[in-house]
Amino acid sequence: MAEALARQLLPSGTYVASAGVRRGERDPFVDVVMDEAGISLGKRQPQTLDDLEDDYFDLIVTLAPEAHHAALELTRSMAVDVVYWPTLDPTLATGTRAQIVDAYREVRDHLERLIRQQLMPKAVPGAETA
């Protein structure tokens, strides 16, 4: 979700890649809530840190403690910022289908807010655009 949201919200030309600590399967609930937001994941499949083709990043954002630890280990000899955005794991949600989808929506909306607040260029007060 984070990668797809960042690709949509950040300026074009911004390199964005997403990876997990463990190999996983594509989650159909992610498709449901991203489709609601008008965002398609296309044929993208989950990948691990080892799958990433590029190992140069300006910023790594982690969403879970295990991922944060792995990113810090991976970058200990690199000049890269690693930040942690604590995010609930929607795969742990239980209940009805509607309740589970709500948990995924909350994560989607949480990530969108953080991307907008933390990563999007800020407008310069008093600056005008033509």
N, C-alpha and C. Protein backbone atom coordinates (compact mmCIF):
# COMPACT_ATOMS: atom_id res chain seq x y z
N MET A 1 0.82 -1.19 0.00
CA MET A 1 0.00 0.00 0.00
C MET A 1 0.86 1.25 0.00
N ALA A 2 1.91 1.24 0.83
CA ALA A 2 2.74 2.44 0.96
C ALA A 2 3.40 2.80 -0.37
N GLU A 3 3.91 1.81 -1.07
CA GLU A 3 4.56 2.09 -2.35
C GLU A 3 3.58 2.68 -3.35
N ALA A 4 2.41 2.08 -3.48
CA ALA A 4 1.42 2.56 -4.45
C ALA A 4 0.95 3.96 -4.09
N LEU A 5 0.74 4.23 -2.81
CA LEU A 5 0.33 5.57 -2.40
C LEU A 5 1.43 6.58 -2.68
N ALA A 6 2.67 6.22 -2.36
CA ALA A 6 3.79 7.14 -2.59
C ALA A 6 3.96 7.43 -4.07
N ARG A 7 3.82 6.43 -4.90
CA ARG A 7 3.93 6.63 -6.35
C ARG A 7 2.87 7.62 -6.85
N GLN A 8 1.69 7.54 -6.26
CA GLN A 8 0.62 8.43 -6.69
C GLN A 8 0.81 9.85 -6.15
N LEU A 9 1.28 9.98 -4.92
CA LEU A 9 1.31 11.28 -4.25
C LEU A 9 2.59 12.08 -4.45
N LEU A 10 3.72 11.41 -4.57
CA LEU A 10 4.99 12.12 -4.65
C LEU A 10 5.25 12.60 -6.07
N PRO A 11 6.11 13.60 -6.22
CA PRO A 11 6.41 14.12 -7.56
C PRO A 11 6.92 13.03 -8.49
N SER A 12 6.58 13.16 -9.78
CA SER A 12 7.07 12.17 -10.73
C SER A 12 8.60 12.21 -10.74
N GLY A 13 9.19 11.08 -10.97
CA GLY A 13 10.64 10.99 -10.94
C GLY A 13 11.18 10.57 -9.58
N THR A 14 10.30 10.52 -8.56
CA THR A 14 10.72 10.05 -7.24
C THR A 14 10.79 8.53 -7.29
N TYR A 15 11.95 7.98 -6.96
CA TYR A 15 12.11 6.53 -6.96
C TYR A 15 11.52 5.97 -5.67
N VAL A 16 10.60 5.03 -5.83
CA VAL A 16 9.93 4.42 -4.68
C VAL A 16 9.98 2.91 -4.87
N ALA A 17 10.36 2.20 -3.83
CA ALA A 17 10.34 0.73 -3.86
C ALA A 17 9.89 0.25 -2.50
N SER A 18 9.20 -0.87 -2.49
CA SER A 18 8.69 -1.44 -1.25
C SER A 18 9.20 -2.86 -1.12
N ALA A 19 9.55 -3.23 0.10
CA ALA A 19 10.01 -4.60 0.35
C ALA A 19 9.70 -4.98 1.78
N GLY A 20 9.53 -6.26 1.98
CA GLY A 20 9.28 -6.78 3.31
C GLY A 20 10.48 -7.56 3.82
N VAL A 21 10.40 -7.91 5.07
CA VAL A 21 11.47 -8.68 5.70
C VAL A 21 11.36 -10.15 5.29
N ARG A 22 10.12 -10.63 5.17
CA ARG A 22 9.88 -12.03 4.79
C ARG A 22 9.09 -12.08 3.48
N ARG A 23 9.30 -13.14 2.74
CA ARG A 23 8.54 -13.34 1.50
C ARG A 23 7.07 -13.53 1.84
N GLY A 24 6.20 -12.99 1.04
CA GLY A 24 4.78 -13.10 1.29
C GLY A 24 3.98 -13.18 0.01
N GLU A 25 2.72 -13.35 0.15
CA GLU A 25 1.79 -13.41 -0.98
C GLU A 25 1.05 -12.07 -1.07
N ARG A 26 0.58 -11.76 -2.26
CA ARG A 26 -0.22 -10.56 -2.45
C ARG A 26 -1.52 -10.73 -1.67
N ASP A 27 -1.88 -9.70 -0.93
CA ASP A 27 -3.04 -9.74 -0.05
C ASP A 27 -4.25 -9.18 -0.77
N PRO A 28 -5.30 -9.97 -0.97
CA PRO A 28 -6.46 -9.47 -1.71
C PRO A 28 -7.17 -8.30 -1.02
N PHE A 29 -7.06 -8.19 0.30
CA PHE A 29 -7.68 -7.06 0.99
C PHE A 29 -6.99 -5.74 0.62
N VAL A 30 -5.70 -5.81 0.33
CA VAL A 30 -4.98 -4.61 -0.12
C VAL A 30 -5.58 -4.14 -1.44
N ASP A 31 -5.82 -5.08 -2.36
CA ASP A 31 -6.42 -4.71 -3.64
C ASP A 31 -7.78 -4.06 -3.44
N VAL A 32 -8.57 -4.57 -2.51
CA VAL A 32 -9.91 -4.04 -2.25
C VAL A 32 -9.83 -2.57 -1.83
N VAL A 33 -9.01 -2.27 -0.82
CA VAL A 33 -8.99 -0.90 -0.30
C VAL A 33 -8.24 0.06 -1.22
N MET A 34 -7.29 -0.45 -1.98
CA MET A 34 -6.61 0.43 -2.93
C MET A 34 -7.53 0.73 -4.12
N ASP A 35 -8.29 -0.26 -4.57
CA ASP A 35 -9.27 -0.02 -5.63
C ASP A 35 -10.28 1.04 -5.20
N GLU A 36 -10.69 1.01 -3.93
CA GLU A 36 -11.61 2.03 -3.42
C GLU A 36 -11.02 3.43 -3.56
N ALA A 37 -9.70 3.53 -3.44
CA ALA A 37 -9.02 4.83 -3.54
C ALA A 37 -8.64 5.15 -4.98
N GLY A 38 -9.02 4.28 -5.92
CA GLY A 38 -8.71 4.53 -7.32
C GLY A 38 -7.27 4.22 -7.68
N ILE A 39 -6.62 3.36 -6.92
CA ILE A 39 -5.21 3.03 -7.15
C ILE A 39 -5.10 1.54 -7.45
N SER A 40 -4.48 1.24 -8.57
CA SER A 40 -4.28 -0.15 -8.95
C SER A 40 -2.84 -0.56 -8.66
N LEU A 41 -2.67 -1.75 -8.15
CA LEU A 41 -1.32 -2.28 -7.93
C LEU A 41 -0.80 -2.97 -9.18
N GLY A 42 -1.63 -3.06 -10.20
CA GLY A 42 -1.20 -3.72 -11.43
C GLY A 42 -0.80 -5.15 -11.15
N LYS A 43 0.32 -5.56 -11.70
CA LYS A 43 0.80 -6.93 -11.52
C LYS A 43 1.86 -7.03 -10.43
N ARG A 44 2.06 -5.95 -9.69
CA ARG A 44 3.10 -5.96 -8.65
C ARG A 44 2.86 -7.06 -7.63
N GLN A 45 3.94 -7.69 -7.24
CA GLN A 45 3.91 -8.74 -6.23
C GLN A 45 4.83 -8.33 -5.09
N PRO A 46 4.57 -8.82 -3.89
CA PRO A 46 5.45 -8.49 -2.75
C PRO A 46 6.88 -8.95 -3.03
N GLN A 47 7.83 -8.17 -2.55
CA GLN A 47 9.23 -8.54 -2.67
C GLN A 47 9.93 -8.35 -1.33
N THR A 48 11.09 -8.97 -1.20
CA THR A 48 11.87 -8.84 0.02
C THR A 48 13.00 -7.85 -0.21
N LEU A 49 13.68 -7.49 0.85
CA LEU A 49 14.83 -6.59 0.74
C LEU A 49 15.86 -7.15 -0.23
N ASP A 50 16.04 -8.46 -0.24
CA ASP A 50 17.01 -9.08 -1.15
C ASP A 50 16.59 -8.95 -2.61
N ASP A 51 15.31 -8.76 -2.87
CA ASP A 51 14.82 -8.65 -4.25
C ASP A 51 15.05 -7.26 -4.85
N LEU A 52 15.31 -6.26 -4.03
CA LEU A 52 15.46 -4.91 -4.55
C LEU A 52 16.68 -4.83 -5.45
N GLU A 53 16.49 -4.22 -6.61
CA GLU A 53 17.59 -4.10 -7.56
C GLU A 53 18.55 -2.99 -7.19
N ASP A 54 18.06 -1.99 -6.54
CA ASP A 54 18.87 -0.83 -6.18
C ASP A 54 19.16 -0.87 -4.69
N ASP A 55 20.37 -0.56 -4.31
CA ASP A 55 20.68 -0.51 -2.89
C ASP A 55 21.06 0.89 -2.45
N TYR A 56 20.72 1.88 -3.28
CA TYR A 56 20.99 3.26 -2.91
C TYR A 56 19.66 3.98 -2.70
N PHE A 57 19.47 4.43 -1.49
CA PHE A 57 18.26 5.17 -1.15
C PHE A 57 18.65 6.38 -0.33
N ASP A 58 17.87 7.45 -0.45
CA ASP A 58 18.06 8.61 0.42
C ASP A 58 17.33 8.40 1.74
N LEU A 59 16.24 7.65 1.67
CA LEU A 59 15.38 7.46 2.84
C LEU A 59 14.76 6.08 2.79
N ILE A 60 14.75 5.43 3.93
CA ILE A 60 14.02 4.17 4.09
C ILE A 60 13.01 4.39 5.19
N VAL A 61 11.76 4.10 4.88
CA VAL A 61 10.67 4.20 5.85
C VAL A 61 10.27 2.79 6.23
N THR A 62 10.28 2.52 7.52
CA THR A 62 9.86 1.20 7.99
C THR A 62 8.54 1.33 8.73
N LEU A 63 7.76 0.25 8.70
CA LEU A 63 6.42 0.29 9.29
C LEU A 63 6.26 -0.66 10.45
N ALA A 64 7.22 -1.55 10.65
CA ALA A 64 7.15 -2.55 11.72
C ALA A 64 8.51 -2.65 12.40
N PRO A 65 8.52 -3.00 13.68
CA PRO A 65 9.80 -3.08 14.41
C PRO A 65 10.81 -4.01 13.74
N GLU A 66 10.38 -5.18 13.27
CA GLU A 66 11.30 -6.11 12.63
C GLU A 66 11.91 -5.51 11.36
N ALA A 67 11.09 -4.81 10.59
CA ALA A 67 11.59 -4.16 9.38
C ALA A 67 12.56 -3.03 9.72
N HIS A 68 12.26 -2.31 10.79
CA HIS A 68 13.14 -1.21 11.19
C HIS A 68 14.52 -1.76 11.57
N HIS A 69 14.54 -2.81 12.34
CA HIS A 69 15.80 -3.42 12.74
C HIS A 69 16.58 -3.89 11.51
N ALA A 70 15.89 -4.56 10.57
CA ALA A 70 16.54 -5.05 9.35
C ALA A 70 17.10 -3.90 8.52
N ALA A 71 16.35 -2.80 8.42
CA ALA A 71 16.82 -1.65 7.64
C ALA A 71 18.04 -1.01 8.29
N LEU A 72 18.05 -0.92 9.62
CA LEU A 72 19.21 -0.36 10.32
C LEU A 72 20.44 -1.24 10.10
N GLU A 73 20.26 -2.55 10.14
CA GLU A 73 21.38 -3.46 9.88
C GLU A 73 21.89 -3.32 8.46
N LEU A 74 20.97 -3.25 7.52
CA LEU A 74 21.31 -3.16 6.10
C LEU A 74 22.08 -1.87 5.79
N THR A 75 21.76 -0.81 6.50
CA THR A 75 22.31 0.51 6.16
C THR A 75 23.37 1.01 7.13
N ARG A 76 23.84 0.17 8.01
CA ARG A 76 24.77 0.66 9.04
C ARG A 76 26.04 1.28 8.47
N SER A 77 26.44 0.90 7.26
CA SER A 77 27.63 1.50 6.66
C SER A 77 27.27 2.41 5.49
N MET A 78 26.01 2.83 5.42
CA MET A 78 25.54 3.68 4.32
C MET A 78 25.06 5.02 4.88
N ALA A 79 25.12 6.03 4.04
CA ALA A 79 24.60 7.35 4.41
C ALA A 79 23.15 7.43 3.95
N VAL A 80 22.26 6.88 4.75
CA VAL A 80 20.84 6.88 4.43
C VAL A 80 20.05 7.08 5.71
N ASP A 81 18.99 7.85 5.60
CA ASP A 81 18.11 8.05 6.75
C ASP A 81 17.12 6.90 6.83
N VAL A 82 16.91 6.40 8.04
CA VAL A 82 15.92 5.34 8.28
C VAL A 82 14.95 5.89 9.31
N VAL A 83 13.68 5.94 8.95
CA VAL A 83 12.66 6.42 9.88
C VAL A 83 11.63 5.33 10.10
N TYR A 84 11.02 5.37 11.26
CA TYR A 84 10.03 4.36 11.64
C TYR A 84 8.67 5.02 11.80
N TRP A 85 7.71 4.52 11.05
CA TRP A 85 6.33 4.95 11.16
C TRP A 85 5.54 3.78 11.73
N PRO A 86 5.34 3.72 13.03
CA PRO A 86 4.60 2.60 13.61
C PRO A 86 3.23 2.45 12.92
N THR A 87 2.99 1.26 12.41
CA THR A 87 1.78 1.00 11.65
C THR A 87 1.20 -0.35 12.07
N LEU A 88 -0.09 -0.37 12.35
CA LEU A 88 -0.74 -1.62 12.71
C LEU A 88 -0.68 -2.59 11.55
N ASP A 89 -0.60 -3.85 11.85
CA ASP A 89 -0.59 -4.90 10.83
C ASP A 89 -2.03 -5.33 10.58
N PRO A 90 -2.61 -4.97 9.43
CA PRO A 90 -4.02 -5.30 9.20
C PRO A 90 -4.26 -6.79 9.03
N THR A 91 -3.21 -7.56 8.76
CA THR A 91 -3.41 -9.01 8.62
C THR A 91 -3.79 -9.66 9.94
N LEU A 92 -3.62 -8.93 11.04
CA LEU A 92 -3.99 -9.46 12.36
C LEU A 92 -5.45 -9.18 12.71
N ALA A 93 -6.14 -8.42 11.86
CA ALA A 93 -7.54 -8.09 12.12
C ALA A 93 -8.42 -9.33 12.06
N THR A 94 -9.40 -9.36 12.95
CA THR A 94 -10.34 -10.47 12.97
C THR A 94 -11.76 -9.90 12.93
N GLY A 95 -12.71 -10.78 12.77
CA GLY A 95 -14.11 -10.36 12.75
C GLY A 95 -14.72 -10.62 11.39
N THR A 96 -15.73 -9.83 11.09
CA THR A 96 -16.42 -9.98 9.81
C THR A 96 -15.54 -9.44 8.69
N ARG A 97 -15.92 -9.76 7.47
CA ARG A 97 -15.18 -9.23 6.33
C ARG A 97 -15.16 -7.71 6.38
N ALA A 98 -16.28 -7.10 6.73
CA ALA A 98 -16.35 -5.63 6.79
C ALA A 98 -15.37 -5.08 7.84
N GLN A 99 -15.26 -5.76 8.97
CA GLN A 99 -14.34 -5.30 10.01
C GLN A 99 -12.88 -5.43 9.56
N ILE A 100 -12.60 -6.50 8.86
CA ILE A 100 -11.23 -6.69 8.35
C ILE A 100 -10.91 -5.64 7.30
N VAL A 101 -11.83 -5.39 6.38
CA VAL A 101 -11.61 -4.37 5.36
C VAL A 101 -11.43 -3.01 6.03
N ASP A 102 -12.19 -2.72 7.07
CA ASP A 102 -12.02 -1.46 7.81
C ASP A 102 -10.60 -1.32 8.36
N ALA A 103 -10.03 -2.41 8.87
CA ALA A 103 -8.66 -2.37 9.39
C ALA A 103 -7.68 -2.01 8.27
N TYR A 104 -7.88 -2.55 7.10
CA TYR A 104 -7.03 -2.23 5.95
C TYR A 104 -7.21 -0.78 5.52
N ARG A 105 -8.45 -0.29 5.55
CA ARG A 105 -8.71 1.12 5.21
C ARG A 105 -7.97 2.04 6.18
N GLU A 106 -8.01 1.68 7.46
CA GLU A 106 -7.32 2.51 8.47
C GLU A 106 -5.83 2.58 8.18
N VAL A 107 -5.24 1.47 7.80
CA VAL A 107 -3.81 1.46 7.48
C VAL A 107 -3.56 2.29 6.22
N ARG A 108 -4.38 2.11 5.20
CA ARG A 108 -4.23 2.90 3.96
C ARG A 108 -4.30 4.39 4.26
N ASP A 109 -5.30 4.80 5.03
CA ASP A 109 -5.47 6.21 5.34
C ASP A 109 -4.34 6.74 6.22
N HIS A 110 -3.86 5.91 7.15
CA HIS A 110 -2.73 6.28 8.01
C HIS A 110 -1.48 6.52 7.16
N LEU A 111 -1.22 5.62 6.22
CA LEU A 111 -0.04 5.77 5.36
C LEU A 111 -0.17 6.99 4.46
N GLU A 112 -1.34 7.23 3.93
CA GLU A 112 -1.53 8.41 3.08
C GLU A 112 -1.27 9.69 3.87
N ARG A 113 -1.80 9.76 5.10
CA ARG A 113 -1.56 10.95 5.93
C ARG A 113 -0.06 11.16 6.17
N LEU A 114 0.64 10.08 6.52
CA LEU A 114 2.07 10.20 6.80
C LEU A 114 2.86 10.62 5.57
N ILE A 115 2.52 10.05 4.42
CA ILE A 115 3.22 10.44 3.19
C ILE A 115 2.98 11.91 2.91
N ARG A 116 1.74 12.35 3.04
CA ARG A 116 1.43 13.77 2.79
C ARG A 116 2.16 14.67 3.79
N GLN A 117 2.17 14.29 5.06
CA GLN A 117 2.77 15.13 6.10
C GLN A 117 4.29 15.10 6.09
N GLN A 118 4.87 13.94 5.83
CA GLN A 118 6.31 13.78 6.01
C GLN A 118 7.13 13.83 4.72
N LEU A 119 6.54 13.48 3.60
CA LEU A 119 7.34 13.31 2.39
C LEU A 119 7.00 14.27 1.26
N MET A 120 5.83 14.84 1.29
CA MET A 120 5.45 15.72 0.18
C MET A 120 6.08 17.08 0.35
N PRO A 121 6.53 17.66 -0.76
CA PRO A 121 7.13 18.99 -0.68
C PRO A 121 6.13 19.98 -0.07
N LYS A 122 6.65 20.81 0.80
CA LYS A 122 5.81 21.82 1.45
C LYS A 122 5.76 23.08 0.57
N ALA A 123 4.59 23.68 0.53
CA ALA A 123 4.45 24.95 -0.19
C ALA A 123 5.18 26.03 0.61
N VAL A 124 5.83 26.91 -0.10
CA VAL A 124 6.52 28.02 0.54
C VAL A 124 5.50 29.12 0.82
N PRO A 125 5.34 29.51 2.10
CA PRO A 125 4.36 30.57 2.41
C PRO A 125 4.66 31.84 1.60
N GLY A 126 3.62 32.39 1.02
CA GLY A 126 3.77 33.64 0.28
C GLY A 126 4.21 33.45 -1.16
N ALA A 127 4.60 32.23 -1.53
CA ALA A 127 5.03 31.98 -2.91
C ALA A 127 3.81 31.82 -3.78
N GLU A 128 3.89 32.36 -4.97
CA GLU A 128 2.79 32.23 -5.91
C GLU A 128 3.24 31.37 -7.08
N THR A 129 2.31 30.66 -7.65
CA THR A 129 2.62 29.87 -8.83
C THR A 129 1.91 30.48 -10.01
N ALA A 130 2.53 30.37 -11.16
CA ALA A 130 1.94 30.94 -12.37
C ALA A 130 1.06 29.97 -13.06
